[in-house]
Amino acid sequence: MPIDFSIHFTERIQSRGYCSYTYPSGPQVYGGVPFAIPVSGLNTWTASVPPRNVLDLPVSVQAATKVHTIAQTIWGAGGPGSYARVECFGDGGGYFRKNLVGNSDVRDFLQGSYTNSINGTTTKNVFYSTSCPSIWVRLDKQEIVLPAEFLTQRLVRVLFSDFGGAGFQYLLVHGITVESACASVSQQPASRSSCPTGIATLSVVAGGVGPFTYQWQYESDINSWTDALDGVVPYAGGTITASNVETDHLQLALNTTHGAPPIRFRCVVTNSCGSVTSDPATLVPCQSDLTCDNVVDDDDFVVFVAAYNLLDCADPAMAADCPADLNGDAFVDDSDFVLFVGSYNELGCI
């Protein structure tokens, strides 16, 4: 869960000078962890003289397991002493402190004569620019592992404190993300199209600490959801048969009719911490996919043209069930061509 601390921002890191314009902007994934970094405007908190030596953040994360930070220093002093720290507080009395030691946990944002080393385990480099000769800027990610007591509490506060000074060390915090044991959806199901007799698969990727259980649902009415069972899903445009409804991948076998409407599915993911529901994904029956290969392309055009030249669905040479009759009027004519071209130009029905 990326933490929004924008009300505390003091500067835009890309405006820091040297080669800082090369820093990426906007939401980023560093070391496999997402960070909510603004596209424009201020995006970084930098410590200064009191009271700006403290960044006190209220949060609300159940069963937090890790706090990930993107933090550097301006200047910097090496260990063994520490001139900055991060403290984490739980609503049940949980507490953890991480001292940020120079040349181990944090270092200067700029390659130079101050601190230049990190431990490579709990702190790893995630961005390094050499675009400007001899002036190299960087970003490092810290991973703070919380003790087990936080699994039964809610993390309610993260407190950064800086004990440095001008020309010595100031802490710079660019991103904060809290990882939780609670179930999450790290990859949402994607909408799919399928030919009228095809098979479509929808899948999710769960985050958090397993084991996980899964339950797929279908939209039985507008914004009304019903648990799917293995078997035929109630549907107005033919039949859709579901299988694997209690796994991370739902399989749907179609046998749909002309004009069959889209239908939406979603997945409820559950672990010992609770449940989370995925975004809906839409299944679109695609009658223009005449070759049933999940794309509407030249191969489908060849099939359509052959049917168009025959025109009448009653012609003995026409394919069974006249699949190119896209509007269901028993003829393959210009009206069907207009429908086909719309899908052909999009390479599909989504």
Protein backbone atom coordinates (compact mmCIF):
# COMPACT_ATOMS: atom_id res chain seq x y z
CA MET A 1 0.00 0.00 0.00
CA PRO A 2 1.73 3.21 -1.14
CA ILE A 3 1.41 5.97 1.48
CA ASP A 4 0.35 9.46 0.41
CA PHE A 5 2.37 12.01 2.37
CA SER A 6 2.06 14.81 -0.18
CA ILE A 7 0.90 17.37 2.41
CA HIS A 8 4.42 17.15 3.86
CA PHE A 9 6.38 17.54 0.62
CA THR A 10 8.97 20.29 0.67
CA GLU A 11 10.62 20.03 -2.74
CA ARG A 12 10.61 18.41 -6.15
CA ILE A 13 13.55 16.01 -6.35
CA GLN A 14 14.01 16.67 -10.08
CA SER A 15 14.75 20.31 -9.22
CA ARG A 16 17.56 19.55 -6.77
CA GLY A 17 20.25 20.45 -9.33
CA TYR A 18 23.24 18.53 -10.60
CA CYS A 19 21.75 15.71 -12.73
CA SER A 20 18.51 15.40 -10.73
CA TYR A 21 16.33 16.12 -13.78
CA THR A 22 16.98 12.49 -14.77
CA TYR A 23 14.99 11.11 -11.81
CA PRO A 24 11.80 9.33 -12.98
CA SER A 25 8.50 11.02 -12.19
CA GLY A 26 5.05 9.58 -11.61
CA PRO A 27 4.10 6.25 -9.99
CA GLN A 28 7.08 3.88 -9.99
CA VAL A 29 7.87 0.28 -9.11
CA TYR A 30 11.23 0.03 -7.38
CA GLY A 31 12.59 -3.35 -6.36
CA GLY A 32 9.20 -4.90 -7.13
CA VAL A 33 7.41 -2.47 -4.79
CA PRO A 34 4.97 0.21 -6.04
CA PHE A 35 5.44 3.81 -4.89
CA ALA A 36 2.91 6.62 -5.40
CA ILE A 37 5.19 9.40 -6.62
CA PRO A 38 3.40 12.40 -8.17
CA VAL A 39 3.86 13.19 -11.83
CA SER A 40 4.28 16.92 -11.28
CA GLY A 41 4.81 19.38 -8.47
CA LEU A 42 6.49 18.67 -5.14
CA ASN A 43 7.25 14.98 -4.48
CA THR A 44 9.81 14.74 -1.66
CA TRP A 45 10.19 15.59 2.04
CA THR A 46 13.59 16.88 3.07
CA ALA A 47 14.57 17.44 6.70
CA SER A 48 15.81 20.77 7.94
CA VAL A 49 16.09 22.60 11.25
CA PRO A 50 13.38 21.83 13.86
CA PRO A 51 10.45 21.45 13.63
CA ARG A 52 11.09 20.24 10.06
CA ASN A 53 13.36 17.49 11.33
CA VAL A 54 10.35 15.19 11.92
CA LEU A 55 8.01 13.54 9.40
CA ASP A 56 5.06 12.15 11.39
CA LEU A 57 2.64 10.11 9.29
CA PRO A 58 -0.70 8.65 10.39
CA VAL A 59 -1.38 5.38 8.51
CA SER A 60 -3.88 2.57 8.81
CA VAL A 61 -2.64 -0.83 7.67
CA GLN A 62 -3.81 -4.06 9.24
CA ALA A 63 -1.22 -6.82 9.73
CA ALA A 64 1.69 -4.80 8.32
CA THR A 65 4.78 -6.88 7.63
CA LYS A 66 7.23 -4.44 6.01
CA VAL A 67 7.76 -0.74 5.49
CA HIS A 68 9.55 0.14 2.26
CA THR A 69 11.11 3.57 1.88
CA ILE A 70 12.94 5.47 -0.82
CA ALA A 71 15.30 7.57 1.28
CA GLN A 72 18.65 9.28 0.76
CA THR A 73 20.62 11.91 2.60
CA ILE A 74 21.92 15.29 1.62
CA TRP A 75 25.61 15.17 2.54
CA GLY A 76 25.78 12.29 5.05
CA ALA A 77 27.83 10.89 7.89
CA GLY A 78 29.01 7.29 8.13
CA GLY A 79 28.40 4.92 11.03
CA PRO A 80 28.56 3.44 13.53
CA GLY A 81 26.44 6.33 14.82
CA SER A 82 23.01 7.08 13.37
CA TYR A 83 21.61 10.52 12.64
CA ALA A 84 18.15 9.45 11.38
CA ARG A 85 15.62 6.80 12.28
CA VAL A 86 12.22 5.36 11.41
CA GLU A 87 9.75 4.35 14.13
CA CYS A 88 6.60 2.26 13.62
CA PHE A 89 3.65 2.15 16.03
CA GLY A 90 0.78 -0.36 16.25
CA ASP A 91 -2.65 0.27 17.77
CA GLY A 92 -2.05 -2.56 20.27
CA GLY A 93 1.23 -1.23 21.60
CA GLY A 94 3.47 -2.64 18.87
CA TYR A 95 6.68 -0.70 18.37
CA PHE A 96 9.74 -1.01 16.15
CA ARG A 97 12.64 1.35 15.53
CA LYS A 98 15.06 1.26 12.64
CA ASN A 99 18.17 3.39 12.92
CA LEU A 100 19.35 4.62 9.53
CA VAL A 101 23.14 4.36 9.58
CA GLY A 102 25.15 6.25 6.98
CA ASN A 103 27.16 4.13 4.54
CA SER A 104 24.91 1.16 5.39
CA ASP A 105 21.20 2.04 5.40
CA VAL A 106 21.35 5.46 3.73
CA ARG A 107 23.79 7.50 1.70
CA ASP A 108 24.06 10.80 -0.13
CA PHE A 109 21.70 11.16 -3.12
CA LEU A 110 24.72 12.37 -5.09
CA GLN A 111 27.82 10.31 -5.81
CA GLY A 112 30.64 12.28 -4.28
CA SER A 113 32.75 12.86 -1.22
CA TYR A 114 30.20 12.12 1.51
CA THR A 115 28.50 8.72 2.04
CA ASN A 116 28.62 6.38 -0.93
CA SER A 117 28.03 2.84 0.39
CA ILE A 118 24.95 0.74 1.25
CA ASN A 119 24.69 -2.77 2.70
CA GLY A 120 23.06 -4.32 -0.40
CA THR A 121 20.63 -6.39 1.69
CA THR A 122 18.09 -4.25 3.53
CA THR A 123 19.07 -1.25 1.42
CA LYS A 124 19.44 -1.68 -2.33
CA ASN A 125 19.98 0.72 -5.19
CA VAL A 126 16.91 1.09 -7.43
CA PHE A 127 17.88 4.04 -9.67
CA TYR A 128 21.26 5.31 -10.85
CA SER A 129 21.87 7.90 -13.53
CA THR A 130 25.16 8.47 -15.28
CA SER A 131 23.72 10.88 -17.85
CA CYS A 132 25.83 13.74 -16.53
CA PRO A 133 29.58 13.03 -16.53
CA SER A 134 31.01 12.76 -12.99
CA ILE A 135 27.70 13.87 -11.41
CA TRP A 136 25.70 10.75 -10.66
CA VAL A 137 22.38 10.79 -8.83
CA ARG A 138 20.72 7.72 -7.35
CA LEU A 139 17.80 6.34 -5.34
CA ASP A 140 18.00 3.54 -2.76
CA LYS A 141 15.18 1.48 -1.27
CA GLN A 142 15.15 0.46 2.40
CA GLU A 143 13.21 -2.63 3.55
CA ILE A 144 12.15 -2.50 7.20
CA VAL A 145 10.82 -5.85 8.43
CA LEU A 146 8.32 -5.46 11.27
CA PRO A 147 8.15 -7.93 14.18
CA ALA A 148 5.39 -10.54 14.37
CA GLU A 149 3.40 -8.56 16.94
CA PHE A 150 2.23 -6.27 14.13
CA LEU A 151 0.37 -9.18 12.47
CA THR A 152 -2.39 -8.86 15.08
CA GLN A 153 -2.42 -5.06 15.12
CA ARG A 154 -2.99 -2.12 12.85
CA LEU A 155 0.02 0.00 11.95
CA VAL A 156 -1.18 3.50 12.79
CA ARG A 157 1.92 5.70 12.69
CA VAL A 158 5.27 5.92 10.92
CA LEU A 159 7.66 8.52 12.30
CA PHE A 160 10.86 9.71 10.60
CA SER A 161 13.30 11.71 12.73
CA ASP A 162 16.45 13.47 11.59
CA PHE A 163 19.27 14.50 13.94
CA GLY A 164 21.63 15.99 11.37
CA GLY A 165 22.38 19.53 10.34
CA ALA A 166 23.40 21.74 7.44
CA GLY A 167 26.62 20.61 5.79
CA PHE A 168 26.51 17.39 7.83
CA GLN A 169 23.41 15.31 7.05
CA TYR A 170 19.74 15.84 6.29
CA LEU A 171 17.32 12.99 5.49
CA LEU A 172 15.43 13.01 2.18
CA VAL A 173 12.29 10.80 1.85
CA HIS A 174 10.91 10.29 -1.65
CA GLY A 175 8.52 7.31 -1.27
CA ILE A 176 6.86 5.12 1.38
CA THR A 177 4.95 1.86 0.90
CA VAL A 178 3.63 -0.48 3.60
CA GLU A 179 3.35 -4.20 2.87
CA SER A 180 0.62 -6.20 4.59
CA ALA A 181 -0.08 -9.86 5.28
CA CYS A 182 -3.72 -9.21 4.39
CA ALA A 183 -4.97 -10.44 1.05
CA SER A 184 -4.62 -8.08 -1.88
CA VAL A 185 -4.91 -8.35 -5.63
CA SER A 186 -1.50 -7.63 -7.15
CA GLN A 187 -2.67 -8.39 -10.70
CA GLN A 188 -6.26 -7.68 -11.68
CA PRO A 189 -8.20 -9.90 -14.10
CA ALA A 190 -8.13 -8.57 -17.67
CA SER A 191 -11.19 -8.32 -19.87
CA ARG A 192 -11.38 -10.87 -22.65
CA SER A 193 -13.25 -11.48 -25.87
CA SER A 194 -14.02 -14.92 -27.27
CA CYS A 195 -15.66 -16.34 -30.34
CA PRO A 196 -19.20 -17.66 -29.76
CA THR A 197 -17.94 -21.22 -29.19
CA GLY A 198 -14.58 -20.39 -27.61
CA ILE A 199 -13.00 -20.78 -24.19
CA ALA A 200 -11.84 -17.77 -22.17
CA THR A 201 -9.76 -17.70 -18.99
CA LEU A 202 -9.77 -14.94 -16.38
CA SER A 203 -7.07 -14.90 -13.72
CA VAL A 204 -5.93 -12.98 -10.66
CA VAL A 205 -2.65 -12.85 -8.76
CA ALA A 206 -3.01 -12.55 -4.98
CA GLY A 207 -0.71 -10.57 -2.71
CA GLY A 208 -0.20 -10.89 1.03
CA VAL A 209 0.49 -14.03 3.03
CA GLY A 210 -1.18 -17.28 1.96
CA PRO A 211 -2.79 -19.68 1.88
CA PHE A 212 -5.52 -17.98 -0.14
CA THR A 213 -9.01 -19.03 -1.12
CA TYR A 214 -10.77 -17.76 -4.22
CA GLN A 215 -14.40 -17.29 -5.21
CA TRP A 216 -15.36 -15.98 -8.63
CA GLN A 217 -18.60 -14.04 -8.98
CA TYR A 218 -20.70 -12.96 -11.96
CA GLU A 219 -22.78 -9.82 -12.30
CA SER A 220 -26.34 -11.08 -12.02
CA ASP A 221 -27.84 -7.57 -12.23
CA ILE A 222 -26.33 -4.10 -12.51
CA ASN A 223 -23.73 -3.91 -9.70
CA SER A 224 -25.25 -7.01 -8.08
CA TRP A 225 -22.90 -9.98 -7.74
CA THR A 226 -23.53 -13.69 -7.24
CA ASP A 227 -21.07 -16.47 -6.44
CA ALA A 228 -20.42 -18.59 -9.53
CA LEU A 229 -20.70 -22.37 -9.34
CA ASP A 230 -19.00 -24.88 -11.58
CA GLY A 231 -21.54 -25.34 -14.37
CA VAL A 232 -23.82 -23.13 -16.45
CA VAL A 233 -23.88 -19.43 -15.53
CA PRO A 234 -27.33 -17.80 -15.86
CA TYR A 235 -27.03 -15.81 -19.09
CA ALA A 236 -29.43 -14.38 -21.66
CA GLY A 237 -27.36 -14.87 -24.82
CA GLY A 238 -26.92 -18.65 -25.01
CA THR A 239 -24.83 -20.55 -22.48
CA ILE A 240 -21.59 -19.91 -20.61
CA THR A 241 -20.21 -22.81 -18.60
CA ALA A 242 -17.84 -22.00 -15.75
CA SER A 243 -15.17 -24.19 -14.19
CA ASN A 244 -12.43 -23.63 -11.59
CA VAL A 245 -14.60 -21.07 -9.79
CA GLU A 246 -12.65 -21.54 -6.54
CA THR A 247 -9.16 -21.10 -8.03
CA ASP A 248 -7.12 -18.14 -9.22
CA HIS A 249 -8.05 -18.85 -12.85
CA LEU A 250 -11.66 -19.04 -14.02
CA GLN A 251 -12.39 -20.94 -17.22
CA LEU A 252 -15.45 -20.04 -19.28
CA ALA A 253 -16.75 -22.11 -22.20
CA LEU A 254 -19.08 -20.21 -24.52
CA ASN A 255 -21.95 -21.28 -26.74
CA THR A 256 -23.54 -17.92 -27.42
CA THR A 257 -26.13 -16.59 -29.85
CA HIS A 258 -26.33 -13.56 -32.16
CA GLY A 259 -26.09 -10.33 -30.24
CA ALA A 260 -25.02 -12.04 -27.02
CA PRO A 261 -24.27 -9.32 -24.44
CA PRO A 262 -21.06 -8.86 -22.45
CA ILE A 263 -20.99 -10.21 -18.91
CA ARG A 264 -18.71 -9.21 -16.03
CA PHE A 265 -16.86 -11.38 -13.52
CA ARG A 266 -14.76 -10.62 -10.45
CA CYS A 267 -12.88 -12.61 -7.81
CA VAL A 268 -12.98 -12.48 -4.00
CA VAL A 269 -9.58 -13.39 -2.52
CA THR A 270 -9.44 -14.38 1.15
CA ASN A 271 -6.73 -15.24 3.68
CA SER A 272 -6.57 -15.35 7.46
CA CYS A 273 -6.52 -11.55 7.61
CA GLY A 274 -9.70 -10.96 5.57
CA SER A 275 -11.00 -10.65 2.02
CA VAL A 276 -10.46 -8.34 -0.92
CA THR A 277 -12.41 -8.13 -4.17
CA SER A 278 -10.78 -7.72 -7.57
CA ASP A 279 -11.81 -5.22 -10.19
CA PRO A 280 -14.45 -6.57 -12.59
CA ALA A 281 -13.36 -8.06 -15.91
CA THR A 282 -15.68 -8.18 -18.89
CA LEU A 283 -16.19 -11.21 -21.12
CA VAL A 284 -17.30 -10.12 -24.60
CA PRO A 285 -18.67 -12.72 -27.05
CA CYS A 286 -17.01 -11.81 -30.36
CA GLN A 287 -18.93 -13.13 -33.34
CA SER A 288 -16.53 -11.46 -35.77
CA ASP A 289 -13.79 -13.83 -34.62
CA LEU A 290 -14.81 -16.34 -37.30
CA THR A 291 -11.66 -18.46 -36.94
CA CYS A 292 -11.94 -18.55 -33.14
CA ASP A 293 -8.30 -17.58 -32.52
CA ASN A 294 -9.02 -14.60 -30.20
CA VAL A 295 -8.19 -11.99 -32.83
CA VAL A 296 -10.16 -10.49 -35.73
CA ASP A 297 -7.73 -10.30 -38.63
CA ASP A 298 -7.17 -11.19 -42.29
CA ASP A 299 -7.97 -14.85 -41.69
CA ASP A 300 -11.42 -13.86 -40.46
CA PHE A 301 -11.81 -11.48 -43.40
CA VAL A 302 -11.28 -14.36 -45.84
CA VAL A 303 -14.01 -16.37 -44.10
CA PHE A 304 -16.35 -13.38 -44.03
CA VAL A 305 -15.88 -12.57 -47.74
CA ALA A 306 -16.70 -16.16 -48.71
CA ALA A 307 -19.95 -15.94 -46.74
CA TYR A 308 -20.69 -12.45 -48.09
CA ASN A 309 -20.41 -13.73 -51.66
CA LEU A 310 -22.98 -16.45 -50.88
CA LEU A 311 -25.29 -13.88 -49.21
CA ASP A 312 -28.16 -16.17 -48.16
CA CYS A 313 -27.73 -18.21 -45.00
CA ALA A 314 -29.98 -20.83 -46.61
CA ASP A 315 -27.44 -21.46 -49.37
CA PRO A 316 -26.24 -25.08 -49.04
CA ALA A 317 -22.64 -23.89 -49.42
CA MET A 318 -22.91 -21.59 -46.38
CA ALA A 319 -21.15 -22.71 -43.19
CA ALA A 320 -23.33 -24.36 -40.56
CA ASP A 321 -25.23 -21.85 -38.41
CA CYS A 322 -24.13 -19.03 -40.75
CA PRO A 323 -21.60 -17.51 -38.32
CA ALA A 324 -20.87 -14.50 -40.56
CA ASP A 325 -24.49 -13.33 -40.20
CA LEU A 326 -23.50 -10.94 -37.45
CA ASN A 327 -26.90 -9.25 -37.07
CA GLY A 328 -28.97 -12.44 -37.22
CA ASP A 329 -31.19 -11.51 -40.21
CA ALA A 330 -30.42 -14.69 -42.22
CA PHE A 331 -28.24 -12.83 -44.73
CA VAL A 332 -24.54 -11.95 -44.87
CA ASP A 333 -24.68 -8.50 -46.42
CA ASP A 334 -23.50 -4.91 -46.06
CA SER A 335 -25.01 -4.56 -42.59
CA ASP A 336 -22.86 -7.45 -41.39
CA PHE A 337 -19.85 -5.99 -43.16
CA VAL A 338 -20.16 -2.75 -41.16
CA LEU A 339 -20.19 -4.79 -37.93
CA PHE A 340 -17.26 -6.90 -39.07
CA VAL A 341 -15.11 -3.93 -40.09
CA GLY A 342 -15.58 -2.36 -36.66
CA SER A 343 -14.07 -5.44 -35.00
CA TYR A 344 -11.46 -5.90 -37.73
CA ASN A 345 -10.13 -2.38 -37.23
CA GLU A 346 -9.72 -3.08 -33.50
CA LEU A 347 -8.32 -6.61 -34.07
CA GLY A 348 -11.05 -7.87 -31.74
CA CYS A 349 -14.22 -6.99 -29.86
CA ILE A 350 -12.71 -5.13 -26.87
